N, C-alpha and C. Protein backbone atom coordinates (compact mmCIF):
# COMPACT_ATOMS: atom_id res chain seq x y z
N MET A 1 20.20 -4.48 4.11
CA MET A 1 18.88 -4.52 3.49
C MET A 1 17.70 -3.39 3.88
N TYR A 2 17.28 -4.42 5.16
CA TYR A 2 16.31 -3.04 6.26
C TYR A 2 16.91 -1.97 6.47
N LEU A 3 18.02 -1.59 6.65
CA LEU A 3 18.77 -0.11 6.86
C LEU A 3 18.63 0.46 5.28
N SER A 4 18.34 0.19 4.83
CA SER A 4 18.36 1.02 2.85
C SER A 4 17.19 1.05 2.93
N TRP A 5 16.26 0.33 3.46
CA TRP A 5 14.67 0.42 3.49
C TRP A 5 14.79 2.07 4.24
N LEU A 6 14.93 2.21 5.28
CA LEU A 6 15.17 3.41 6.58
C LEU A 6 15.29 4.70 6.41
N ALA A 7 16.25 4.45 5.65
CA ALA A 7 16.85 5.87 4.18
C ALA A 7 16.28 6.39 3.77
N LYS A 8 15.56 5.39 2.53
CA LYS A 8 14.30 5.73 1.93
C LYS A 8 12.90 6.23 2.26
N ALA A 9 12.91 5.09 3.24
CA ALA A 9 11.42 5.63 3.41
C ALA A 9 10.68 6.93 4.37
N GLY A 10 11.71 7.65 4.27
CA GLY A 10 10.99 9.27 4.71
C GLY A 10 10.64 9.55 3.93
N ASN A 11 11.35 9.52 1.83
CA ASN A 11 10.95 10.74 1.00
C ASN A 11 10.50 9.12 -0.06
N ASP A 12 10.74 7.98 0.20
CA ASP A 12 9.52 7.33 -0.74
C ASP A 12 8.64 6.36 -0.45
N LYS A 13 7.39 6.62 -0.87
CA LYS A 13 6.31 5.82 -0.34
C LYS A 13 6.70 4.31 -0.12
N THR A 14 7.09 3.36 -1.25
CA THR A 14 7.18 2.10 -1.57
C THR A 14 7.80 1.76 -0.29
N ALA A 15 9.65 2.30 0.05
CA ALA A 15 10.69 1.56 0.66
C ALA A 15 9.31 2.16 2.08
N ASN A 16 8.93 2.97 2.23
CA ASN A 16 8.26 3.51 4.39
C ASN A 16 6.70 1.82 3.88
N ASP A 17 6.29 1.70 3.09
CA ASP A 17 5.80 0.33 3.02
C ASP A 17 6.16 -0.58 3.27
N LEU A 18 7.36 -0.52 2.60
CA LEU A 18 7.98 -1.86 3.28
C LEU A 18 8.11 -2.18 4.61
N VAL A 19 9.54 -0.44 4.98
CA VAL A 19 9.33 -1.03 6.34
C VAL A 19 7.93 -0.78 7.50
N GLN A 20 6.73 -0.60 7.16
CA GLN A 20 6.03 -0.28 7.87
C GLN A 20 5.36 -1.74 7.81
N ARG A 21 5.50 -2.28 6.69
CA ARG A 21 4.75 -4.16 6.56
C ARG A 21 6.13 -4.68 7.45
N TYR A 22 7.40 -4.45 7.35
CA TYR A 22 8.32 -5.68 8.21
C TYR A 22 7.57 -5.52 10.39
N ARG A 23 7.37 -3.75 10.55
CA ARG A 23 7.47 -3.33 11.91
C ARG A 23 6.22 -4.05 12.56
N LYS A 24 4.75 -4.05 11.34
CA LYS A 24 4.04 -3.98 11.72
C LYS A 24 2.76 -5.30 11.23
N ARG A 25 3.36 -6.61 11.52
CA ARG A 25 3.26 -7.96 11.52
C ARG A 25 1.73 -8.08 11.34
N LEU A 26 0.97 -9.24 10.62
CA LEU A 26 -0.38 -9.66 11.17
C LEU A 26 -0.17 -10.41 12.72
N GLU A 27 -1.28 -10.86 12.80
CA GLU A 27 -0.79 -12.05 13.98
C GLU A 27 -0.87 -13.07 13.16
N PHE A 28 -1.40 -13.18 12.35
CA PHE A 28 -1.74 -14.84 11.34
C PHE A 28 -1.12 -14.41 10.08
N GLN A 29 -0.62 -14.77 9.02
CA GLN A 29 0.24 -15.15 8.09
C GLN A 29 0.44 -16.16 7.38
N LEU A 30 -0.17 -15.82 5.85
CA LEU A 30 0.14 -17.42 4.98
C LEU A 30 0.00 -17.25 3.53
N PHE A 31 0.85 -17.67 3.26
CA PHE A 31 1.34 -17.27 1.84
C PHE A 31 1.47 -18.42 1.00
N ASP A 32 1.13 -18.45 -0.62
CA ASP A 32 1.83 -19.22 -1.48
C ASP A 32 2.71 -19.02 -2.33
N LEU A 33 3.56 -19.83 -1.22
CA LEU A 33 5.62 -19.33 -1.63
C LEU A 33 5.84 -20.02 -2.91
N ASN A 34 4.93 -20.83 -4.00
CA ASN A 34 5.47 -21.34 -5.13
C ASN A 34 4.57 -19.89 -6.08
N ASN A 35 3.18 -19.38 -5.66
CA ASN A 35 2.82 -17.56 -6.72
C ASN A 35 2.92 -16.55 -6.14
N ASP A 36 3.68 -16.95 -4.88
CA ASP A 36 3.76 -15.75 -4.46
C ASP A 36 5.14 -15.18 -3.08
N PRO A 37 6.70 -15.75 -4.43
CA PRO A 37 7.63 -15.69 -3.38
C PRO A 37 8.04 -14.45 -2.19
N GLU A 38 7.53 -13.20 -3.04
CA GLU A 38 7.80 -12.19 -2.25
C GLU A 38 6.58 -12.13 -0.96
N GLU A 39 5.88 -12.75 -0.69
CA GLU A 39 4.98 -12.58 0.32
C GLU A 39 4.17 -11.68 0.25
N MET A 40 3.96 -10.96 -0.76
CA MET A 40 3.07 -9.74 -0.82
C MET A 40 1.69 -10.03 -0.69
N ASN A 41 1.02 -11.02 -0.61
CA ASN A 41 -0.76 -11.09 -0.73
C ASN A 41 -0.79 -12.49 0.23
N ASN A 42 -1.76 -12.04 1.63
CA ASN A 42 -1.40 -12.33 3.16
C ASN A 42 -2.81 -13.29 2.49
N LEU A 43 -2.96 -14.58 2.58
CA LEU A 43 -4.24 -15.45 2.49
C LEU A 43 -4.74 -15.58 3.82
N ALA A 44 -4.17 -15.39 4.73
CA ALA A 44 -4.73 -15.57 6.31
C ALA A 44 -6.51 -15.31 6.42
N ASN A 45 -6.62 -14.41 5.46
CA ASN A 45 -7.99 -13.93 6.11
C ASN A 45 -9.00 -14.03 4.64
N ASN A 46 -8.40 -14.92 3.95
CA ASN A 46 -9.63 -15.54 3.10
C ASN A 46 -10.06 -16.56 3.41
N PRO A 47 -11.04 -16.43 3.37
CA PRO A 47 -12.41 -17.89 4.34
C PRO A 47 -12.04 -18.94 3.20
N GLU A 48 -11.83 -19.17 2.00
CA GLU A 48 -11.00 -20.56 1.82
C GLU A 48 -10.16 -21.27 2.62
N PHE A 49 -9.21 -20.46 3.18
CA PHE A 49 -8.07 -21.25 3.65
C PHE A 49 -8.45 -21.49 5.42
N ASN A 50 -9.62 -21.18 5.86
CA ASN A 50 -9.97 -21.33 7.26
C ASN A 50 -10.28 -22.68 7.93
N THR A 51 -9.73 -23.62 6.78
CA THR A 51 -9.63 -24.55 7.34
C THR A 51 -8.43 -25.20 7.57
N LYS A 52 -7.15 -24.82 6.88
CA LYS A 52 -5.52 -24.95 6.70
C LYS A 52 -5.32 -23.83 8.18
N ILE A 53 -5.89 -23.32 7.88
CA ILE A 53 -5.18 -21.46 9.58
C ILE A 53 -6.30 -22.61 10.46
N ASN A 54 -7.06 -23.28 10.77
CA ASN A 54 -7.69 -23.38 12.21
C ASN A 54 -6.48 -25.02 12.46
N GLU A 55 -5.83 -26.11 11.32
CA GLU A 55 -5.56 -26.78 11.34
C GLU A 55 -3.95 -25.91 11.58
N LEU A 56 -3.41 -25.12 10.90
CA LEU A 56 -2.24 -24.63 11.97
C LEU A 56 -2.42 -24.23 13.23
N LYS A 57 -3.19 -23.45 13.44
CA LYS A 57 -3.52 -22.62 14.93
C LYS A 57 -3.43 -24.11 16.03
N SER A 58 -4.22 -25.74 15.56
CA SER A 58 -4.12 -26.42 16.94
C SER A 58 -3.07 -27.48 16.14
N ALA A 59 -2.41 -26.75 15.20
CA ALA A 59 -0.68 -27.31 15.65
C ALA A 59 0.06 -26.60 16.41
N ILE A 60 -0.29 -25.68 16.43
CA ILE A 60 1.61 -24.96 16.98
C ILE A 60 1.01 -25.07 18.96
N GLN A 61 -0.71 -24.79 19.04
CA GLN A 61 -1.00 -25.41 20.47
C GLN A 61 -0.55 -26.38 20.60
N LYS A 62 -0.73 -27.47 20.25
CA LYS A 62 0.01 -28.76 20.48
C LYS A 62 1.85 -28.97 20.58
N TRP A 63 2.73 -27.83 19.52
CA TRP A 63 3.99 -27.99 19.92
C TRP A 63 4.02 -27.32 21.32
N MET A 64 3.19 -25.72 21.44
CA MET A 64 3.28 -25.47 22.60
C MET A 64 3.50 -26.10 24.45
N LYS A 65 1.80 -27.19 24.12
CA LYS A 65 1.60 -27.51 24.77
C LYS A 65 2.61 -28.87 25.25
N GLU A 66 3.10 -29.44 24.28
CA GLU A 66 4.34 -30.36 24.75
C GLU A 66 5.85 -29.85 24.88
N GLN A 67 5.98 -28.20 24.31
CA GLN A 67 7.23 -27.87 25.04
C GLN A 67 7.49 -27.06 26.34
N GLY A 68 5.55 -27.34 27.12
CA GLY A 68 5.91 -26.51 28.60
C GLY A 68 5.25 -25.00 28.11
N ASP A 69 4.95 -24.69 27.46
CA ASP A 69 4.77 -23.66 26.55
C ASP A 69 2.94 -23.11 27.05
N ASP A 70 2.72 -22.58 28.18
CA ASP A 70 1.69 -22.60 28.41
C ASP A 70 0.56 -21.17 28.13
N TYR A 71 1.66 -20.00 27.53
CA TYR A 71 1.17 -18.93 27.14
C TYR A 71 -0.09 -19.73 25.51
N VAL A 72 -1.28 -18.77 26.12
CA VAL A 72 -2.05 -19.65 24.61
C VAL A 72 -2.95 -18.22 24.12
N SER A 73 -2.74 -17.67 22.75
CA SER A 73 -3.54 -16.09 22.19
C SER A 73 -4.43 -16.84 21.38
N LEU A 74 -3.84 -17.74 21.33
CA LEU A 74 -4.63 -18.42 19.59
C LEU A 74 -5.95 -18.30 19.54
């Protein structure tokens, strides 16, 4: 599928947008998969979800520490 997007990206804005979205992902992404199964609306910057984002950041930092991964950029 990705190769077909690349082929179309040169002359199709929608295909180009998809390719760029795939290549340049945001650091944090949060989606409502029930209402947005295609993950088009990133909720990570919505203040309503700050508590959930912080919960998830803490959980991944804890998991990384348990795995011996001391890289921290969150």
